[in-house]
């Protein structure tokens, strides 16, 4: 579904996020993976953002972040918008 829609902050698209994470973990088995989601309302649309942060807590040299954004028609009900963040 979202497998090929993730990209790096530099703008490079990631063809397969699952393979990308597998490679990262193979190269750095001590990496920590953190997933987050947030949404924002703008005019006539709601934007959801999903982020995956790959971090090595032993090196402490920053984190590698990839993300995916999706726009949909504005969701006026906050409960529905927040529910969709968690699914």
PDB file of N, CA and C in Angstrom:
ATOM      1  N   UNK A   1       0.825  -1.188   0.000  1.00  0.00           N
ATOM      2  CA  UNK A   1       0.000   0.000   0.000  1.00  0.00           C
ATOM      3  C   UNK A   1       0.873   1.257   0.000  1.00  0.00           C
ATOM      4  N   UNK A   2       1.659   1.470   1.071  1.00  0.00           N
ATOM      5  CA  UNK A   2       2.543   2.629   1.153  1.00  0.00           C
ATOM      6  C   UNK A   2       3.963   2.269   0.791  1.00  0.00           C
ATOM      7  N   UNK A   3       4.164   1.038   0.397  1.00  0.00           N
ATOM      8  CA  UNK A   3       5.492   0.464   0.246  1.00  0.00           C
ATOM      9  C   UNK A   3       6.443   1.288  -0.610  1.00  0.00           C
ATOM     10  N   UNK A   4       5.960   1.904  -1.667  1.00  0.00           N
ATOM     11  CA  UNK A   4       6.850   2.626  -2.576  1.00  0.00           C
ATOM     12  C   UNK A   4       6.633   4.132  -2.544  1.00  0.00           C
ATOM     13  N   UNK A   5       6.017   4.651  -1.508  1.00  0.00           N
ATOM     14  CA  UNK A   5       5.727   6.085  -1.443  1.00  0.00           C
ATOM     15  C   UNK A   5       6.601   6.854  -0.456  1.00  0.00           C
ATOM     16  N   UNK A   6       7.468   6.181   0.233  1.00  0.00           N
ATOM     17  CA  UNK A   6       8.338   6.853   1.195  1.00  0.00           C
ATOM     18  C   UNK A   6       9.486   7.528   0.469  1.00  0.00           C
ATOM     19  N   UNK A   7      10.010   8.602   1.088  1.00  0.00           N
ATOM     20  CA  UNK A   7      11.185   9.251   0.536  1.00  0.00           C
ATOM     21  C   UNK A   7      12.041   9.822   1.646  1.00  0.00           C
ATOM     22  N   UNK A   8      13.278  10.129   1.291  1.00  0.00           N
ATOM     23  CA  UNK A   8      14.228  10.729   2.230  1.00  0.00           C
ATOM     24  C   UNK A   8      14.000  12.236   2.237  1.00  0.00           C
ATOM     25  N   UNK A   9      14.552  12.917   3.237  1.00  0.00           N
ATOM     26  CA  UNK A   9      14.395  14.362   3.313  1.00  0.00           C
ATOM     27  C   UNK A   9      15.046  15.081   2.138  1.00  0.00           C
ATOM     28  N   UNK A  10      16.015  14.468   1.517  1.00  0.00           N
ATOM     29  CA  UNK A  10      16.645  15.069   0.342  1.00  0.00           C
ATOM     30  C   UNK A  10      15.780  14.996  -0.903  1.00  0.00           C
ATOM     31  N   UNK A  11      14.684  14.238  -0.843  1.00  0.00           N
ATOM     32  CA  UNK A  11      13.786  14.117  -1.973  1.00  0.00           C
ATOM     33  C   UNK A  11      13.902  12.812  -2.729  1.00  0.00           C
ATOM     34  N   UNK A  12      14.913  11.992  -2.404  1.00  0.00           N
ATOM     35  CA  UNK A  12      15.084  10.704  -3.079  1.00  0.00           C
ATOM     36  C   UNK A  12      13.964   9.751  -2.683  1.00  0.00           C
ATOM     37  N   UNK A  13      13.309   9.150  -3.678  1.00  0.00           N
ATOM     38  CA  UNK A  13      12.251   8.180  -3.404  1.00  0.00           C
ATOM     39  C   UNK A  13      12.849   6.833  -3.041  1.00  0.00           C
ATOM     40  N   UNK A  14      12.175   6.116  -2.178  1.00  0.00           N
ATOM     41  CA  UNK A  14      12.596   4.783  -1.758  1.00  0.00           C
ATOM     42  C   UNK A  14      11.665   3.788  -2.442  1.00  0.00           C
ATOM     43  N   UNK A  15      12.194   2.937  -3.319  1.00  0.00           N
ATOM     44  CA  UNK A  15      11.332   2.035  -4.089  1.00  0.00           C
ATOM     45  C   UNK A  15      10.566   1.016  -3.234  1.00  0.00           C
ATOM     46  N   UNK A  16      11.173   0.519  -2.156  1.00  0.00           N
ATOM     47  CA  UNK A  16      10.517  -0.471  -1.303  1.00  0.00           C
ATOM     48  C   UNK A  16      10.965  -0.232   0.137  1.00  0.00           C
ATOM     49  N   UNK A  17      10.088   0.321   0.959  1.00  0.00           N
ATOM     50  CA  UNK A  17      10.453   0.698   2.325  1.00  0.00           C
ATOM     51  C   UNK A  17      10.822  -0.522   3.175  1.00  0.00           C
ATOM     52  N   UNK A  18      10.198  -1.646   2.928  1.00  0.00           N
ATOM     53  CA  UNK A  18      10.488  -2.846   3.714  1.00  0.00           C
ATOM     54  C   UNK A  18      11.919  -3.307   3.460  1.00  0.00           C
ATOM     55  N   UNK A  19      12.303  -3.390   2.198  1.00  0.00           N
ATOM     56  CA  UNK A  19      13.672  -3.780   1.860  1.00  0.00           C
ATOM     57  C   UNK A  19      14.677  -2.749   2.366  1.00  0.00           C
ATOM     58  N   UNK A  20      14.313  -1.488   2.296  1.00  0.00           N
ATOM     59  CA  UNK A  20      15.181  -0.405   2.760  1.00  0.00           C
ATOM     60  C   UNK A  20      15.491  -0.561   4.250  1.00  0.00           C
ATOM     61  N   UNK A  21      14.463  -0.843   5.046  1.00  0.00           N
ATOM     62  CA  UNK A  21      14.660  -1.011   6.488  1.00  0.00           C
ATOM     63  C   UNK A  21      15.445  -2.290   6.772  1.00  0.00           C
ATOM     64  N   UNK A  22      15.146  -3.367   6.046  1.00  0.00           N
ATOM     65  CA  UNK A  22      15.895  -4.611   6.223  1.00  0.00           C
ATOM     66  C   UNK A  22      17.382  -4.396   5.979  1.00  0.00           C
ATOM     67  N   UNK A  23      17.724  -3.705   4.898  1.00  0.00           N
ATOM     68  CA  UNK A  23      19.136  -3.416   4.594  1.00  0.00           C
ATOM     69  C   UNK A  23      19.778  -2.588   5.686  1.00  0.00           C
ATOM     70  N   UNK A  24      19.065  -1.565   6.162  1.00  0.00           N
ATOM     71  CA  UNK A  24      19.592  -0.695   7.200  1.00  0.00           C
ATOM     72  C   UNK A  24      19.905  -1.500   8.457  1.00  0.00           C
ATOM     73  N   UNK A  25      18.992  -2.383   8.849  1.00  0.00           N
ATOM     74  CA  UNK A  25      19.175  -3.183  10.059  1.00  0.00           C
ATOM     75  C   UNK A  25      20.283  -4.229   9.862  1.00  0.00           C
ATOM     76  N   UNK A  26      20.398  -4.768   8.660  1.00  0.00           N
ATOM     77  CA  UNK A  26      21.496  -5.712   8.394  1.00  0.00           C
ATOM     78  C   UNK A  26      22.849  -5.024   8.532  1.00  0.00           C
ATOM     79  N   UNK A  27      22.950  -3.779   8.063  1.00  0.00           N
ATOM     80  CA  UNK A  27      24.197  -3.018   8.168  1.00  0.00           C
ATOM     81  C   UNK A  27      24.447  -2.510   9.581  1.00  0.00           C
ATOM     82  N   UNK A  28      23.376  -2.313  10.357  1.00  0.00           N
ATOM     83  CA  UNK A  28      23.501  -1.800  11.721  1.00  0.00           C
ATOM     84  C   UNK A  28      22.496  -2.517  12.625  1.00  0.00           C
ATOM     85  N   UNK A  29      22.840  -3.716  13.124  1.00  0.00           N
ATOM     86  CA  UNK A  29      21.899  -4.496  13.933  1.00  0.00           C
ATOM     87  C   UNK A  29      21.485  -3.838  15.248  1.00  0.00           C
ATOM     88  N   UNK A  30      22.211  -2.820  15.700  1.00  0.00           N
ATOM     89  CA  UNK A  30      21.854  -2.151  16.953  1.00  0.00           C
ATOM     90  C   UNK A  30      20.928  -0.960  16.724  1.00  0.00           C
ATOM     91  N   UNK A  31      20.475  -0.771  15.506  1.00  0.00           N
ATOM     92  CA  UNK A  31      19.628   0.384  15.174  1.00  0.00           C
ATOM     93  C   UNK A  31      18.276   0.286  15.877  1.00  0.00           C
ATOM     94  N   UNK A  32      17.777   1.438  16.268  1.00  0.00           N
ATOM     95  CA  UNK A  32      16.453   1.551  16.856  1.00  0.00           C
ATOM     96  C   UNK A  32      15.528   2.124  15.788  1.00  0.00           C
ATOM     97  N   UNK A  33      14.342   1.529  15.652  1.00  0.00           N
ATOM     98  CA  UNK A  33      13.369   1.995  14.667  1.00  0.00           C
ATOM     99  C   UNK A  33      12.193   2.600  15.417  1.00  0.00           C
ATOM    100  N   UNK A  34      11.858   3.841  15.087  1.00  0.00           N
ATOM    101  CA  UNK A  34      10.733   4.530  15.700  1.00  0.00           C
ATOM    102  C   UNK A  34       9.795   4.998  14.595  1.00  0.00           C
ATOM    103  N   UNK A  35       8.501   4.744  14.772  1.00  0.00           N
ATOM    104  CA  UNK A  35       7.499   5.133  13.778  1.00  0.00           C
ATOM    105  C   UNK A  35       6.575   6.151  14.415  1.00  0.00           C
ATOM    106  N   UNK A  36       6.248   7.206  13.662  1.00  0.00           N
ATOM    107  CA  UNK A  36       5.346   8.230  14.157  1.00  0.00           C
ATOM    108  C   UNK A  36       4.375   8.679  13.088  1.00  0.00           C
ATOM    109  N   UNK A  37       3.268   9.250  13.521  1.00  0.00           N
ATOM    110  CA  UNK A  37       2.261   9.759  12.599  1.00  0.00           C
ATOM    111  C   UNK A  37       1.690  11.053  13.162  1.00  0.00           C
ATOM    112  N   UNK A  38       1.374  11.988  12.288  1.00  0.00           N
ATOM    113  CA  UNK A  38       0.759  13.241  12.708  1.00  0.00           C
ATOM    114  C   UNK A  38      -0.111  13.743  11.569  1.00  0.00           C
ATOM    115  N   UNK A  39      -0.989  14.668  11.888  1.00  0.00           N
ATOM    116  CA  UNK A  39      -1.840  15.258  10.860  1.00  0.00           C
ATOM    117  C   UNK A  39      -1.974  16.752  11.108  1.00  0.00           C
ATOM    118  N   UNK A  40      -2.320  17.464  10.054  1.00  0.00           N
ATOM    119  CA  UNK A  40      -2.528  18.900  10.150  1.00  0.00           C
ATOM    120  C   UNK A  40      -3.665  19.288   9.212  1.00  0.00           C
ATOM    121  N   UNK A  41      -4.448  20.255   9.636  1.00  0.00           N
ATOM    122  CA  UNK A  41      -5.548  20.764   8.821  1.00  0.00           C
ATOM    123  C   UNK A  41      -5.077  22.034   8.114  1.00  0.00           C
ATOM    124  N   UNK A  42      -5.285  22.092   6.805  1.00  0.00           N
ATOM    125  CA  UNK A  42      -4.959  23.293   6.029  1.00  0.00           C
ATOM    126  C   UNK A  42      -6.085  23.554   5.045  1.00  0.00           C
ATOM    127  N   UNK A  43      -6.685  24.686   5.156  1.00  0.00           N
ATOM    128  CA  UNK A  43      -7.769  25.098   4.269  1.00  0.00           C
ATOM    129  C   UNK A  43      -8.752  23.989   3.979  1.00  0.00           C
ATOM    130  N   UNK A  44      -8.686  23.378   2.807  1.00  0.00           N
ATOM    131  CA  UNK A  44      -9.671  22.365   2.410  1.00  0.00           C
ATOM    132  C   UNK A  44      -9.139  20.943   2.460  1.00  0.00           C
ATOM    133  N   UNK A  45      -8.004  20.753   3.116  1.00  0.00           N
ATOM    134  CA  UNK A  45      -7.452  19.400   3.142  1.00  0.00           C
ATOM    135  C   UNK A  45      -6.840  19.055   4.499  1.00  0.00           C
ATOM    136  N   UNK A  46      -6.732  17.773   4.725  1.00  0.00           N
ATOM    137  CA  UNK A  46      -6.035  17.233   5.887  1.00  0.00           C
ATOM    138  C   UNK A  46      -4.801  16.504   5.360  1.00  0.00           C
ATOM    139  N   UNK A  47      -3.648  16.796   5.936  1.00  0.00           N
ATOM    140  CA  UNK A  47      -2.412  16.147   5.530  1.00  0.00           C
ATOM    141  C   UNK A  47      -1.946  15.237   6.655  1.00  0.00           C
ATOM    142  N   UNK A  48      -1.737  13.962   6.315  1.00  0.00           N
ATOM    143  CA  UNK A  48      -1.179  12.984   7.251  1.00  0.00           C
ATOM    144  C   UNK A  48       0.283  12.763   6.885  1.00  0.00           C
ATOM    145  N   UNK A  49       1.119  12.635   7.892  1.00  0.00           N
ATOM    146  CA  UNK A  49       2.536  12.340   7.667  1.00  0.00           C
ATOM    147  C   UNK A  49       2.932  11.150   8.525  1.00  0.00           C
ATOM    148  N   UNK A  50       3.588  10.194   7.898  1.00  0.00           N
ATOM    149  CA  UNK A  50       4.111   9.030   8.600  1.00  0.00           C
ATOM    150  C   UNK A  50       5.634   9.109   8.499  1.00  0.00           C
ATOM    151  N   UNK A  51       6.308   8.996   9.630  1.00  0.00           N
ATOM    152  CA  UNK A  51       7.770   9.043   9.632  1.00  0.00           C
ATOM    153  C   UNK A  51       8.338   7.767  10.233  1.00  0.00           C
ATOM    154  N   UNK A  52       9.480   7.375   9.715  1.00  0.00           N
ATOM    155  CA  UNK A  52      10.237   6.254  10.269  1.00  0.00           C
ATOM    156  C   UNK A  52      11.636   6.775  10.553  1.00  0.00           C
ATOM    157  N   UNK A  53      12.037   6.688  11.821  1.00  0.00           N
ATOM    158  CA  UNK A  53      13.346   7.177  12.223  1.00  0.00           C
ATOM    159  C   UNK A  53      14.234   5.978  12.550  1.00  0.00           C
ATOM    160  N   UNK A  54      15.390   5.932  11.927  1.00  0.00           N
ATOM    161  CA  UNK A  54      16.370   4.871  12.162  1.00  0.00           C
ATOM    162  C   UNK A  54      17.550   5.510  12.895  1.00  0.00           C
ATOM    163  N   UNK A  55      17.847   4.994  14.082  1.00  0.00           N
ATOM    164  CA  UNK A  55      18.814   5.663  14.946  1.00  0.00           C
ATOM    165  C   UNK A  55      19.709   4.641  15.632  1.00  0.00           C
ATOM    166  N   UNK A  56      20.987   4.966  15.738  1.00  0.00           N
ATOM    167  CA  UNK A  56      21.923   4.141  16.482  1.00  0.00           C
ATOM    168  C   UNK A  56      22.251   4.883  17.771  1.00  0.00           C
ATOM    169  N   UNK A  57      21.769   4.380  18.903  1.00  0.00           N
ATOM    170  CA  UNK A  57      21.950   5.086  20.174  1.00  0.00           C
ATOM    171  C   UNK A  57      23.375   4.999  20.699  1.00  0.00           C
ATOM    172  N   UNK A  58      24.185   4.072  20.173  1.00  0.00           N
ATOM    173  CA  UNK A  58      25.574   3.967  20.625  1.00  0.00           C
ATOM    174  C   UNK A  58      26.452   5.006  19.938  1.00  0.00           C
ATOM    175  N   UNK A  59      26.234   5.258  18.673  1.00  0.00           N
ATOM    176  CA  UNK A  59      27.037   6.231  17.930  1.00  0.00           C
ATOM    177  C   UNK A  59      26.598   7.656  18.245  1.00  0.00           C
ATOM    178  N   UNK A  60      25.306   7.853  18.444  1.00  0.00           N
ATOM    179  CA  UNK A  60      24.725   9.174  18.747  1.00  0.00           C
ATOM    180  C   UNK A  60      25.135  10.203  17.707  1.00  0.00           C
ATOM    181  N   UNK A  61      24.930   9.847  16.454  1.00  0.00           N
ATOM    182  CA  UNK A  61      25.325  10.725  15.356  1.00  0.00           C
ATOM    183  C   UNK A  61      24.098  11.166  14.555  1.00  0.00           C
ATOM    184  N   UNK A  62      23.006  11.497  15.241  1.00  0.00           N
ATOM    185  CA  UNK A  62      21.789  11.890  14.555  1.00  0.00           C
ATOM    186  C   UNK A  62      20.976  10.685  14.139  1.00  0.00           C
ATOM    187  N   UNK A  63      19.920  10.937  13.398  1.00  0.00           N
ATOM    188  CA  UNK A  63      19.026   9.870  12.966  1.00  0.00           C
ATOM    189  C   UNK A  63      18.794   9.969  11.469  1.00  0.00           C
ATOM    190  N   UNK A  64      18.449   8.848  10.892  1.00  0.00           N
ATOM    191  CA  UNK A  64      18.092   8.786   9.481  1.00  0.00           C
ATOM    192  C   UNK A  64      16.567   8.735   9.436  1.00  0.00           C
ATOM    193  N   UNK A  65      15.928   9.698   8.770  1.00  0.00           N
ATOM    194  CA  UNK A  65      14.475   9.798   8.778  1.00  0.00           C
ATOM    195  C   UNK A  65      13.945   9.682   7.352  1.00  0.00           C
ATOM    196  N   UNK A  66      12.918   8.844   7.187  1.00  0.00           N
ATOM    197  CA  UNK A  66      12.190   8.750   5.923  1.00  0.00           C
ATOM    198  C   UNK A  66      10.724   9.040   6.234  1.00  0.00           C
ATOM    199  N   UNK A  67       9.989   9.517   5.240  1.00  0.00           N
ATOM    200  CA  UNK A  67       8.613   9.920   5.519  1.00  0.00           C
ATOM    201  C   UNK A  67       7.711   9.687   4.315  1.00  0.00           C
ATOM    202  N   UNK A  68       6.425   9.755   4.599  1.00  0.00           N
ATOM    203  CA  UNK A  68       5.379   9.618   3.592  1.00  0.00           C
ATOM    204  C   UNK A  68       4.284  10.622   3.948  1.00  0.00           C
ATOM    205  N   UNK A  69       3.814  11.377   2.981  1.00  0.00           N
ATOM    206  CA  UNK A  69       2.729  12.330   3.203  1.00  0.00           C
ATOM    207  C   UNK A  69       1.545  11.991   2.308  1.00  0.00           C
ATOM    208  N   UNK A  70       0.349  12.172   2.864  1.00  0.00           N
ATOM    209  CA  UNK A  70      -0.871  11.939   2.088  1.00  0.00           C
ATOM    210  C   UNK A  70      -1.864  13.048   2.377  1.00  0.00           C
ATOM    211  N   UNK A  71      -2.467  13.572   1.330  1.00  0.00           N
ATOM    212  CA  UNK A  71      -3.496  14.598   1.470  1.00  0.00           C
ATOM    213  C   UNK A  71      -4.854  13.974   1.191  1.00  0.00           C
ATOM    214  N   UNK A  72      -5.849  14.415   1.949  1.00  0.00           N
ATOM    215  CA  UNK A  72      -7.219  13.980   1.706  1.00  0.00           C
ATOM    216  C   UNK A  72      -8.140  15.166   1.986  1.00  0.00           C
ATOM    217  N   UNK A  73      -9.391  15.079   1.568  1.00  0.00           N
ATOM    218  CA  UNK A  73     -10.314  16.185   1.861  1.00  0.00           C
ATOM    219  C   UNK A  73     -10.372  16.450   3.362  1.00  0.00           C
ATOM    220  N   UNK A  74     -10.609  17.697   3.713  1.00  0.00           N
ATOM    221  CA  UNK A  74     -10.584  18.102   5.120  1.00  0.00           C
ATOM    222  C   UNK A  74     -11.554  17.275   5.956  1.00  0.00           C
ATOM    223  N   UNK A  75     -11.033  16.766   7.062  1.00  0.00           N
ATOM    224  CA  UNK A  75     -11.835  15.997   8.015  1.00  0.00           C
ATOM    225  C   UNK A  75     -12.157  16.938   9.168  1.00  0.00           C
ATOM    226  N   UNK A  76     -13.395  17.318   9.275  1.00  0.00           N
ATOM    227  CA  UNK A  76     -13.793  18.332  10.269  1.00  0.00           C
ATOM    228  C   UNK A  76     -13.916  17.771  11.683  1.00  0.00           C
ATOM    229  N   UNK A  77     -14.205  16.504  11.809  1.00  0.00           N
ATOM    230  CA  UNK A  77     -14.357  15.888  13.121  1.00  0.00           C
ATOM    231  C   UNK A  77     -12.995  15.461  13.659  1.00  0.00           C
ATOM    232  N   UNK A  78     -12.569  16.054  14.775  1.00  0.00           N
ATOM    233  CA  UNK A  78     -11.250  15.756  15.346  1.00  0.00           C
ATOM    234  C   UNK A  78     -11.109  14.293  15.759  1.00  0.00           C
ATOM    235  N   UNK A  79     -12.173  13.692  16.276  1.00  0.00           N
ATOM    236  CA  UNK A  79     -12.099  12.278  16.678  1.00  0.00           C
ATOM    237  C   UNK A  79     -11.821  11.389  15.472  1.00  0.00           C
ATOM    238  N   UNK A  80     -12.498  11.665  14.377  1.00  0.00           N
ATOM    239  CA  UNK A  80     -12.281  10.869  13.162  1.00  0.00           C
ATOM    240  C   UNK A  80     -10.864  11.073  12.622  1.00  0.00           C
ATOM    241  N   UNK A  81     -10.399  12.330  12.622  1.00  0.00           N
ATOM    242  CA  UNK A  81      -9.049  12.624  12.128  1.00  0.00           C
ATOM    243  C   UNK A  81      -7.994  11.919  12.964  1.00  0.00           C
ATOM    244  N   UNK A  82      -8.130  11.975  14.281  1.00  0.00           N
ATOM    245  CA  UNK A  82      -7.159  11.323  15.159  1.00  0.00           C
ATOM    246  C   UNK A  82      -7.259   9.798  15.066  1.00  0.00           C
ATOM    247  N   UNK A  83      -8.452   9.282  14.863  1.00  0.00           N
ATOM    248  CA  UNK A  83      -8.614   7.835  14.691  1.00  0.00           C
ATOM    249  C   UNK A  83      -7.878   7.372  13.434  1.00  0.00           C
ATOM    250  N   UNK A  84      -7.988   8.145  12.365  1.00  0.00           N
ATOM    251  CA  UNK A  84      -7.319   7.773  11.117  1.00  0.00           C
ATOM    252  C   UNK A  84      -5.796   7.865  11.255  1.00  0.00           C
ATOM    253  N   UNK A  85      -5.301   8.667  12.167  1.00  0.00           N
ATOM    254  CA  UNK A  85      -3.853   8.724  12.430  1.00  0.00           C
ATOM    255  C   UNK A  85      -3.363   7.398  12.991  1.00  0.00           C
ATOM    256  N   UNK A  86      -4.183   6.766  13.800  1.00  0.00           N
ATOM    257  CA  UNK A  86      -3.748   5.559  14.492  1.00  0.00           C
ATOM    258  C   UNK A  86      -4.001   4.281  13.694  1.00  0.00           C
ATOM    259  N   UNK A  87      -4.691   4.376  12.554  1.00  0.00           N
ATOM    260  CA  UNK A  87      -4.956   3.163  11.776  1.00  0.00           C
ATOM    261  C   UNK A  87      -4.085   3.070  10.562  1.00  0.00           C
TER     262      UNK A  87
END
